[in-house]
Amino acid sequence: MRWPATLLIWIWVATSAGAQLSQQLQDVLHQYQKTLNIIGVSASVAAPQIGVWNGTAGWIDTLNGTPLDTNTLFGIGSITKTVTAVVALQLWEEKVWNLDDPIARLLPSFHHPFIDSSITLRQLLNHTSGLGDYARALDSVATIDPGAYWHPDSLFSLIPPPISAPNDTFYYSNTNYLVVGKMIIEHTNQPLSRCYRQRIFSRLGPGIYLFPEEALPADYPLAHPHYDLDGDRRTMEDASAIPLIARFSGAWAAGGIMATAKQVRSFIDSLFRTQTLLSPAALQEMLTPSALSRYTYALGIARRTVFNTPVWVHGGSIKGYAAFYLYAPEHQISIAVLVNQQKAPVRLIALALLQTLLNSPTTVAPTERSAQPIEIRAAHNGICIANHTNDTVELRVYSLHGALLGIYDCTPGTKTIPTLQFPRGTYILVFRQHHIPILIEQLFLP
């Protein structure tokens, strides 16, 4: 069979463009890992113009310099909440409960002095219950005895008093998902890990586990957690000698999952792109934000707008790890980024990858890509900004550790922002218009 010449040319161009874009994504990952001084980062991307791309940069550990691979596991922290919310919505589909059922109905024999029994399942999932957060108390006890295993029921002793009445305010509290986890195991008569495995993980394949309820397989290496052990506020030390049992058993339904970047991205794809986890009605319920949340937080997921593109996101952190995912429905792009370092600006890496994809020829027309609404260069006395838009742009300057150093208004025209207070080095510049990020750049100041 002879293929038409035009088709062969198209296939070659598409393959070549995909290979070029893959290299660009890998370059972004290496650049941010190096300039942000991150121990290790793993990312997974799915997009129409590239298919699936997986990349890593850095190391599993700093003791032996073992490089990361795409099968490396990380703690994903509060991204676990999205998984827990999906299970709760699956049970809603199965008519096990209604989202507006109160605790009094779903856990009739459960009583706690700091938990109002009129709080509904929906209010737990969207953080409008007013419950206090047990995370700070957990951090204290996990630091004292990091090898202790916390049974879910014992975690309720760590809950502080509520911060408001139910449905009065939005307050992000891990306690909400502790209660939802208890509801799930009560109504399914199964350990939470088995619910996750049967309902979600089995569809994704190996590389995602609720730890320590599930053992980690030997062929999936665990990235060593890194955080400031010596308190010098300058370096992150390898903390792999400290047991993880207390922190992960304590995080449980709110943050106890370990996974590869591939499987986090696959989970998001299953939720949005293929929609094999929830029915359209259940997904619509999940994506309906609370009116009380200025962060447009829905049920285990939040809505944002970046680069004038709506995205669904959630982040996570647990001692020594940070994680972030996003899904851009208009472009069918899903991104997951995981790092083995405390307080790393993982969201900025995900946004840099998204920006690379949105600027690719198959996503944005060449005439649009050639327009440069913001031009940046380092001057001897500061940062020279040329704003070619018709509106004021806000510039946020971040250090390589993700610390916000300054906020500046850039009116249309050219402006030089003094940087005498900034030492020589590389900085991350985030430009925002009407509170929406429109450009992320790195700039070296001599």
Protein backbone atom coordinates (compact mmCIF):
# COMPACT_ATOMS: atom_id res chain seq x y z
CA MET A 1 0.00 0.00 0.00
CA ARG A 2 1.33 3.43 -0.95
CA TRP A 3 0.66 6.30 1.47
CA PRO A 4 -0.14 9.71 -0.06
CA ALA A 5 2.84 12.05 0.09
CA THR A 6 0.83 14.76 1.88
CA LEU A 7 -0.17 12.29 4.62
CA LEU A 8 3.43 11.16 5.08
CA ILE A 9 4.54 14.78 5.38
CA TRP A 10 1.79 15.47 7.96
CA ILE A 11 2.79 12.42 10.02
CA TRP A 12 6.44 13.46 9.93
CA VAL A 13 5.64 17.05 10.93
CA ALA A 14 3.33 15.90 13.77
CA THR A 15 5.94 13.43 15.05
CA SER A 16 8.71 16.01 14.78
CA ALA A 17 6.59 18.67 16.52
CA GLY A 18 5.72 16.21 19.29
CA ALA A 19 9.39 15.34 19.80
CA GLN A 20 10.30 19.02 19.90
CA LEU A 21 7.56 19.78 22.42
CA SER A 22 8.65 16.83 24.57
CA GLN A 23 12.15 18.27 24.66
CA GLN A 24 10.78 21.69 25.57
CA LEU A 25 8.85 20.20 28.49
CA GLN A 26 11.94 18.34 29.67
CA ASP A 27 13.98 21.54 29.37
CA VAL A 28 11.42 23.38 31.54
CA LEU A 29 11.61 20.64 34.15
CA HIS A 30 15.43 20.69 34.23
CA GLN A 31 15.52 24.48 34.30
CA TYR A 32 13.15 24.79 37.23
CA GLN A 33 14.76 21.91 39.13
CA LYS A 34 18.14 23.58 38.78
CA THR A 35 17.24 27.22 39.32
CA LEU A 36 14.80 26.50 42.16
CA ASN A 37 17.37 24.18 43.74
CA ILE A 38 14.80 21.38 44.07
CA ILE A 39 16.03 17.94 45.08
CA GLY A 40 13.87 16.02 42.62
CA VAL A 41 10.80 16.63 40.47
CA SER A 42 8.61 14.24 38.48
CA ALA A 43 5.97 15.42 36.04
CA SER A 44 3.37 13.81 33.80
CA VAL A 45 1.45 15.56 31.03
CA ALA A 46 -1.37 14.53 28.71
CA ALA A 47 -2.34 16.83 25.85
CA PRO A 48 -3.73 16.39 22.33
CA GLN A 49 -0.59 17.78 20.69
CA ILE A 50 1.78 15.41 22.47
CA GLY A 51 -0.20 12.45 23.80
CA VAL A 52 1.33 11.45 27.14
CA TRP A 53 4.70 12.76 28.31
CA ASN A 54 6.53 11.78 31.50
CA GLY A 55 9.69 13.45 32.72
CA THR A 56 11.95 13.72 35.75
CA ALA A 57 14.81 15.89 36.92
CA GLY A 58 16.95 15.50 40.02
CA TRP A 59 17.37 12.77 42.58
CA ILE A 60 15.56 10.31 44.78
CA ASP A 61 18.00 11.15 47.55
CA THR A 62 20.91 13.46 48.25
CA LEU A 63 22.87 10.87 50.20
CA ASN A 64 23.67 8.63 47.24
CA GLY A 65 22.61 10.83 44.34
CA THR A 66 20.19 8.22 42.98
CA PRO A 67 18.36 9.71 39.98
CA LEU A 68 14.59 9.77 39.85
CA ASP A 69 12.68 7.69 37.35
CA THR A 70 9.04 7.81 36.32
CA ASN A 71 8.18 4.95 38.72
CA THR A 72 9.33 6.91 41.77
CA LEU A 73 6.69 7.35 44.47
CA PHE A 74 6.02 10.62 46.32
CA GLY A 75 3.66 11.70 49.05
CA ILE A 76 0.86 13.65 47.36
CA GLY A 77 -0.67 15.15 50.50
CA SER A 78 -4.05 16.81 50.04
CA ILE A 79 -4.51 15.59 46.48
CA THR A 80 -5.81 12.61 48.45
CA LYS A 81 -8.89 14.76 49.13
CA THR A 82 -9.85 14.62 45.45
CA VAL A 83 -9.68 10.80 45.60
CA THR A 84 -11.80 10.73 48.76
CA ALA A 85 -14.34 13.09 47.19
CA VAL A 86 -14.64 10.85 44.11
CA VAL A 87 -15.45 7.84 46.32
CA ALA A 88 -18.03 9.91 48.22
CA LEU A 89 -19.67 10.89 44.92
CA GLN A 90 -19.63 7.31 43.65
CA LEU A 91 -21.56 6.33 46.78
CA TRP A 92 -23.97 9.20 46.08
CA GLU A 93 -24.51 7.75 42.58
CA GLU A 94 -25.22 4.38 44.19
CA LYS A 95 -27.81 6.07 46.45
CA VAL A 96 -25.93 5.09 49.59
CA TRP A 97 -26.41 8.67 50.79
CA ASN A 98 -27.37 12.18 49.76
CA LEU A 99 -24.82 14.98 49.72
CA ASP A 100 -27.00 17.05 52.04
CA ASP A 101 -27.42 14.28 54.61
CA PRO A 102 -26.17 15.37 58.07
CA ILE A 103 -23.63 13.56 60.19
CA ALA A 104 -26.47 12.62 62.55
CA ARG A 105 -27.97 10.47 59.79
CA LEU A 106 -24.77 9.10 58.26
CA LEU A 107 -22.99 8.37 61.55
CA PRO A 108 -25.87 7.98 64.04
CA SER A 109 -23.75 6.46 66.82
CA PHE A 110 -20.91 8.98 66.43
CA HIS A 111 -20.63 11.84 68.91
CA HIS A 112 -17.83 14.35 69.38
CA PRO A 113 -17.87 17.51 71.50
CA PHE A 114 -16.37 19.63 68.69
CA ILE A 115 -18.35 18.20 65.76
CA ASP A 116 -21.87 19.51 65.13
CA SER A 117 -24.05 16.57 64.04
CA SER A 118 -26.06 18.86 61.72
CA ILE A 119 -23.02 19.30 59.43
CA THR A 120 -23.76 17.80 56.01
CA LEU A 121 -21.60 15.65 53.78
CA ARG A 122 -21.49 18.47 51.21
CA GLN A 123 -20.24 20.92 53.85
CA LEU A 124 -17.47 18.51 54.78
CA LEU A 125 -16.40 18.07 51.16
CA ASN A 126 -16.36 21.80 50.38
CA HIS A 127 -14.87 22.95 53.72
CA THR A 128 -17.86 24.96 54.92
CA SER A 129 -18.45 22.86 58.06
CA GLY A 130 -16.60 25.27 60.36
CA LEU A 131 -14.61 22.38 61.91
CA GLY A 132 -11.19 23.11 63.37
CA ASP A 133 -8.14 21.51 61.76
CA TYR A 134 -6.42 18.60 63.51
CA ALA A 135 -3.29 18.88 61.29
CA ARG A 136 -1.26 21.04 63.68
CA ALA A 137 -1.80 18.65 66.59
CA LEU A 138 -0.92 15.73 64.32
CA ASP A 139 2.32 17.41 63.29
CA SER A 140 3.30 17.78 66.93
CA VAL A 141 2.64 14.17 67.91
CA ALA A 142 4.17 12.82 64.68
CA THR A 143 7.34 14.77 65.41
CA ILE A 144 7.55 13.28 68.90
CA ASP A 145 6.85 9.69 67.81
CA PRO A 146 7.20 9.41 64.01
CA GLY A 147 6.96 5.61 64.07
CA ALA A 148 3.56 5.43 65.77
CA TYR A 149 0.60 4.10 63.77
CA TRP A 150 -2.53 6.21 64.12
CA HIS A 151 -5.79 4.31 63.75
CA PRO A 152 -8.41 6.56 62.13
CA ASP A 153 -10.63 6.55 65.23
CA SER A 154 -7.76 7.72 67.40
CA LEU A 155 -7.26 10.81 65.23
CA PHE A 156 -10.53 12.31 66.48
CA SER A 157 -8.83 13.01 69.82
CA LEU A 158 -6.67 15.62 68.02
CA ILE A 159 -9.57 17.75 66.73
CA PRO A 160 -9.65 21.31 68.14
CA PRO A 161 -12.80 23.41 68.71
CA PRO A 162 -14.69 24.65 65.62
CA ILE A 163 -13.87 28.02 64.12
CA SER A 164 -17.47 28.82 63.10
CA ALA A 165 -20.98 27.45 62.86
CA PRO A 166 -21.75 25.15 59.90
CA ASN A 167 -22.27 26.87 56.53
CA ASP A 168 -21.06 30.19 57.94
CA THR A 169 -17.63 30.49 56.29
CA PHE A 170 -15.10 28.66 54.14
CA TYR A 171 -12.26 27.24 56.22
CA TYR A 172 -9.91 24.63 54.80
CA SER A 173 -9.68 21.88 57.41
CA ASN A 174 -8.27 18.37 57.16
CA THR A 175 -10.80 17.31 59.79
CA ASN A 176 -13.54 17.46 57.15
CA TYR A 177 -11.99 14.60 55.20
CA LEU A 178 -11.23 12.63 58.35
CA VAL A 179 -15.00 12.57 58.97
CA VAL A 180 -15.75 11.71 55.32
CA GLY A 181 -13.26 8.83 55.52
CA LYS A 182 -15.07 7.49 58.56
CA MET A 183 -18.38 7.74 56.72
CA ILE A 184 -16.98 5.76 53.78
CA ILE A 185 -15.67 2.86 55.85
CA GLU A 186 -18.87 2.76 57.95
CA HIS A 187 -21.12 2.54 54.89
CA THR A 188 -18.97 0.17 52.82
CA ASN A 189 -17.76 -2.07 55.67
CA GLN A 190 -14.30 -1.95 54.10
CA PRO A 191 -10.97 -0.37 54.99
CA LEU A 192 -10.45 2.88 53.12
CA SER A 193 -7.50 1.43 51.20
CA ARG A 194 -9.73 -1.33 49.80
CA CYS A 195 -12.35 1.22 48.73
CA TYR A 196 -9.70 3.26 46.95
CA ARG A 197 -8.22 0.13 45.35
CA GLN A 198 -11.49 -1.37 44.10
CA ARG A 199 -13.12 1.84 42.97
CA ILE A 200 -10.19 3.86 41.59
CA PHE A 201 -6.66 2.47 41.90
CA SER A 202 -7.41 -0.82 40.09
CA ARG A 203 -8.43 1.19 37.03
CA LEU A 204 -5.17 3.14 37.08
CA GLY A 205 -2.73 0.26 37.57
CA PRO A 206 0.28 0.04 39.91
CA GLY A 207 1.96 3.14 41.30
CA ILE A 208 -0.63 4.57 43.74
CA TYR A 209 -1.18 3.44 47.36
CA LEU A 210 -2.80 4.52 50.62
CA PHE A 211 0.16 4.25 52.99
CA PRO A 212 0.64 2.57 55.43
CA GLU A 213 -2.66 0.65 55.06
CA GLU A 214 -1.12 -0.69 51.86
CA ALA A 215 2.51 -1.80 51.62
CA LEU A 216 4.72 -0.12 49.03
CA PRO A 217 6.09 -2.47 46.34
CA ALA A 218 9.85 -2.95 46.06
CA ASP A 219 9.91 -2.15 42.34
CA TYR A 220 8.52 1.35 42.91
CA PRO A 221 11.23 3.33 44.72
CA LEU A 222 10.19 5.96 47.25
CA ALA A 223 11.63 9.45 46.82
CA HIS A 224 13.34 10.43 50.06
CA PRO A 225 11.56 13.30 51.82
CA HIS A 226 13.66 16.44 52.32
CA TYR A 227 13.01 19.28 54.71
CA ASP A 228 14.86 21.64 57.05
CA LEU A 229 16.05 19.19 59.70
CA ASP A 230 18.70 21.39 61.30
CA GLY A 231 16.58 24.56 61.38
CA ASP A 232 19.05 26.73 59.46
CA ARG A 233 16.31 27.84 57.02
CA ARG A 234 18.78 27.49 54.15
CA THR A 235 19.07 23.85 53.15
CA MET A 236 16.82 20.82 52.92
CA GLU A 237 18.23 17.65 54.43
CA ASP A 238 17.44 14.04 53.58
CA ALA A 239 14.93 12.89 56.22
CA SER A 240 14.59 9.27 55.08
CA ALA A 241 15.91 7.97 58.42
CA ILE A 242 12.80 9.33 60.14
CA PRO A 243 9.79 6.96 59.91
CA LEU A 244 6.82 8.12 57.84
CA ILE A 245 4.21 5.96 59.60
CA ALA A 246 2.78 8.59 61.95
CA ARG A 247 2.43 11.34 59.36
CA PHE A 248 0.85 9.20 56.65
CA SER A 249 -1.42 7.11 58.89
CA GLY A 250 -2.45 10.38 60.53
CA ALA A 251 -3.13 12.09 57.20
CA TRP A 252 -5.28 9.13 56.05
CA ALA A 253 -8.33 10.24 54.00
CA ALA A 254 -7.08 13.84 53.98
CA GLY A 255 -3.54 13.22 52.73
CA GLY A 256 -2.17 9.69 53.09
CA ILE A 257 -1.67 8.59 49.47
CA MET A 258 1.70 7.93 47.84
CA ALA A 259 1.85 7.86 44.04
CA THR A 260 3.88 8.42 40.92
CA ALA A 261 3.26 11.52 38.82
CA LYS A 262 2.04 9.20 36.05
CA GLN A 263 -0.74 7.83 38.24
CA VAL A 264 -1.84 11.20 39.57
CA ARG A 265 -2.15 12.42 35.98
CA SER A 266 -3.91 9.18 34.99
CA PHE A 267 -6.39 9.70 37.84
CA ILE A 268 -7.16 13.22 36.61
CA ASP A 269 -7.55 11.92 33.04
CA SER A 270 -9.99 9.25 34.27
CA LEU A 271 -11.97 11.93 36.07
CA PHE A 272 -12.09 14.48 33.25
CA ARG A 273 -10.88 13.30 29.84
CA THR A 274 -12.39 9.79 29.73
CA GLN A 275 -14.91 10.34 32.58
CA THR A 276 -14.74 6.73 33.70
CA LEU A 277 -14.90 7.45 37.43
CA LEU A 278 -18.08 9.50 37.72
CA SER A 279 -21.28 10.01 35.76
CA PRO A 280 -21.84 13.45 34.20
CA ALA A 281 -24.34 14.26 36.97
CA ALA A 282 -21.88 13.31 39.72
CA LEU A 283 -19.07 15.24 38.05
CA GLN A 284 -21.31 18.29 37.83
CA GLU A 285 -21.99 18.04 41.58
CA MET A 286 -18.26 17.72 42.22
CA LEU A 287 -17.45 20.82 40.14
CA THR A 288 -20.05 23.09 41.74
CA PRO A 289 -18.14 25.52 44.01
CA SER A 290 -19.40 26.72 47.36
CA ALA A 291 -20.71 30.28 47.34
CA LEU A 292 -18.74 30.84 50.55
CA SER A 293 -15.37 30.05 48.98
CA ARG A 294 -13.46 32.96 47.46
CA TYR A 295 -11.09 30.28 46.14
CA THR A 296 -14.01 28.70 44.22
CA TYR A 297 -13.48 25.42 46.07
CA ALA A 298 -15.97 22.74 45.06
CA LEU A 299 -16.00 19.12 46.33
CA GLY A 300 -12.37 18.12 46.75
CA ILE A 301 -11.23 20.32 43.87
CA ALA A 302 -10.88 24.04 43.11
CA ARG A 303 -11.45 26.21 40.06
CA ARG A 304 -8.86 28.77 38.95
CA THR A 305 -8.10 30.81 35.84
CA VAL A 306 -4.52 31.00 34.53
CA PHE A 307 -3.28 32.43 31.22
CA ASN A 308 -6.93 33.33 30.53
CA THR A 309 -7.71 29.62 30.67
CA PRO A 310 -10.03 28.00 33.26
CA VAL A 311 -8.42 25.09 35.11
CA TRP A 312 -9.37 22.64 37.84
CA VAL A 313 -6.64 22.19 40.43
CA HIS A 314 -5.58 20.84 43.79
CA GLY A 315 -2.30 20.92 45.62
CA GLY A 316 -0.87 18.86 48.42
CA SER A 317 1.97 18.85 50.89
CA ILE A 318 3.07 16.46 53.59
CA LYS A 319 6.35 16.68 55.46
CA GLY A 320 9.11 16.43 52.84
CA TYR A 321 6.84 16.36 49.77
CA ALA A 322 4.78 18.75 47.65
CA ALA A 323 2.37 18.03 44.79
CA PHE A 324 0.06 19.82 42.37
CA TYR A 325 -2.23 18.88 39.51
CA LEU A 326 -4.31 20.85 37.03
CA TYR A 327 -6.73 20.11 34.24
CA ALA A 328 -7.51 22.66 31.50
CA PRO A 329 -10.85 21.55 29.98
CA GLU A 330 -10.77 23.92 26.99
CA HIS A 331 -7.49 22.38 25.82
CA GLN A 332 -7.87 18.89 27.36
CA ILE A 333 -4.52 19.27 29.09
CA SER A 334 -3.77 17.47 32.36
CA ILE A 335 -0.57 18.01 34.34
CA ALA A 336 0.74 16.49 37.58
CA VAL A 337 3.95 17.62 39.27
CA LEU A 338 5.47 15.98 42.37
CA VAL A 339 8.61 16.95 44.32
CA ASN A 340 10.40 15.43 47.30
CA GLN A 341 11.03 18.68 49.12
CA GLN A 342 9.15 20.73 51.68
CA LYS A 343 7.57 24.03 50.57
CA ALA A 344 8.81 23.82 46.97
CA PRO A 345 6.90 26.10 44.54
CA VAL A 346 5.46 23.11 42.71
CA ARG A 347 2.52 25.11 41.36
CA LEU A 348 4.88 27.37 39.42
CA ILE A 349 6.43 24.34 37.70
CA ALA A 350 2.99 23.07 36.66
CA LEU A 351 2.08 26.51 35.32
CA ALA A 352 5.37 26.73 33.40
CA LEU A 353 4.59 23.37 31.75
CA LEU A 354 1.07 24.57 30.92
CA GLN A 355 2.44 27.79 29.46
CA THR A 356 4.80 25.77 27.25
CA LEU A 357 1.88 23.68 25.95
CA LEU A 358 -0.37 26.70 25.36
CA ASN A 359 2.40 28.40 23.39
CA SER A 360 2.97 25.38 21.15
CA PRO A 361 1.96 25.77 17.46
CA THR A 362 -0.83 23.20 17.73
CA THR A 363 -2.53 25.07 20.54
CA VAL A 364 -2.27 28.76 19.64
CA ALA A 365 -2.26 30.33 16.20
CA PRO A 366 1.17 31.63 15.05
CA THR A 367 -0.09 35.21 14.82
CA GLU A 368 -1.17 35.04 18.44
CA ARG A 369 2.08 33.47 19.56
CA SER A 370 4.19 36.11 17.84
CA ALA A 371 2.53 38.90 19.82
CA GLN A 372 4.49 39.73 22.96
CA PRO A 373 2.19 41.70 25.28
CA ILE A 374 4.89 41.80 27.97
CA GLU A 375 8.61 42.21 27.28
CA ILE A 376 11.19 41.83 30.05
CA ARG A 377 14.89 42.46 30.35
CA ALA A 378 17.36 42.95 33.16
CA ALA A 379 18.72 46.49 33.39
CA HIS A 380 21.69 47.65 35.47
CA ASN A 381 19.36 49.29 37.97
CA GLY A 382 16.35 46.98 37.89
CA ILE A 383 13.85 45.07 35.76
CA CYS A 384 12.73 46.83 32.59
CA ILE A 385 9.10 45.99 31.77
CA ALA A 386 7.43 46.94 28.48
CA ASN A 387 3.67 46.50 28.87
CA HIS A 388 2.11 46.53 25.39
CA THR A 389 -1.40 45.82 26.66
CA ASN A 390 -4.04 48.46 27.30
CA ASP A 391 -4.39 47.63 30.96
CA THR A 392 -2.32 47.59 34.13
CA VAL A 393 -0.45 44.34 34.76
CA GLU A 394 0.57 43.20 38.21
CA LEU A 395 4.07 41.77 38.59
CA ARG A 396 4.88 39.40 41.44
CA VAL A 397 8.54 38.63 42.07
CA TYR A 398 9.37 35.32 43.75
CA SER A 399 12.62 33.94 45.06
CA LEU A 400 13.79 30.53 43.90
CA HIS A 401 12.35 29.12 47.13
CA GLY A 402 8.91 30.42 46.20
CA ALA A 403 8.91 33.35 48.66
CA LEU A 404 6.98 36.41 47.46
CA LEU A 405 9.45 39.31 47.44
CA GLY A 406 7.42 42.12 45.95
CA ILE A 407 4.25 43.18 44.10
CA TYR A 408 4.38 45.94 41.47
CA ASP A 409 1.84 47.59 39.17
CA CYS A 410 2.99 47.93 35.57
CA THR A 411 0.87 50.45 33.65
CA PRO A 412 0.85 50.43 29.84
CA GLY A 413 4.20 51.56 28.50
CA THR A 414 7.76 51.01 29.70
CA LYS A 415 8.72 50.95 33.35
CA THR A 416 11.85 50.08 35.29
CA ILE A 417 11.33 48.41 38.66
CA PRO A 418 14.23 49.06 41.07
CA THR A 419 15.84 45.86 42.31
CA LEU A 420 18.61 47.18 44.53
CA GLN A 421 17.05 45.24 47.42
CA PHE A 422 17.41 41.98 45.47
CA PRO A 423 20.81 40.25 45.57
CA ARG A 424 22.40 38.90 42.40
CA GLY A 425 20.62 35.75 41.24
CA THR A 426 17.66 34.26 39.40
CA TYR A 427 14.06 35.20 40.17
CA ILE A 428 10.63 34.04 39.04
CA LEU A 429 8.36 36.72 37.60
CA VAL A 430 4.60 36.12 37.50
CA PHE A 431 2.53 38.67 35.60
CA ARG A 432 -1.18 38.86 36.43
CA GLN A 433 -4.05 40.77 34.89
CA HIS A 434 -7.31 41.02 36.84
CA HIS A 435 -5.84 38.48 39.33
CA ILE A 436 -5.22 35.96 36.52
CA PRO A 437 -1.64 34.80 35.71
CA ILE A 438 -0.84 35.62 32.06
CA LEU A 439 2.91 35.04 31.92
CA ILE A 440 5.63 33.31 33.97
CA GLU A 441 9.29 34.01 33.31
CA GLN A 442 12.65 33.48 34.97
CA LEU A 443 15.11 36.38 34.99
CA PHE A 444 18.73 36.60 36.10
CA LEU A 445 19.65 39.85 37.84
CA PRO A 446 23.39 40.59 37.57
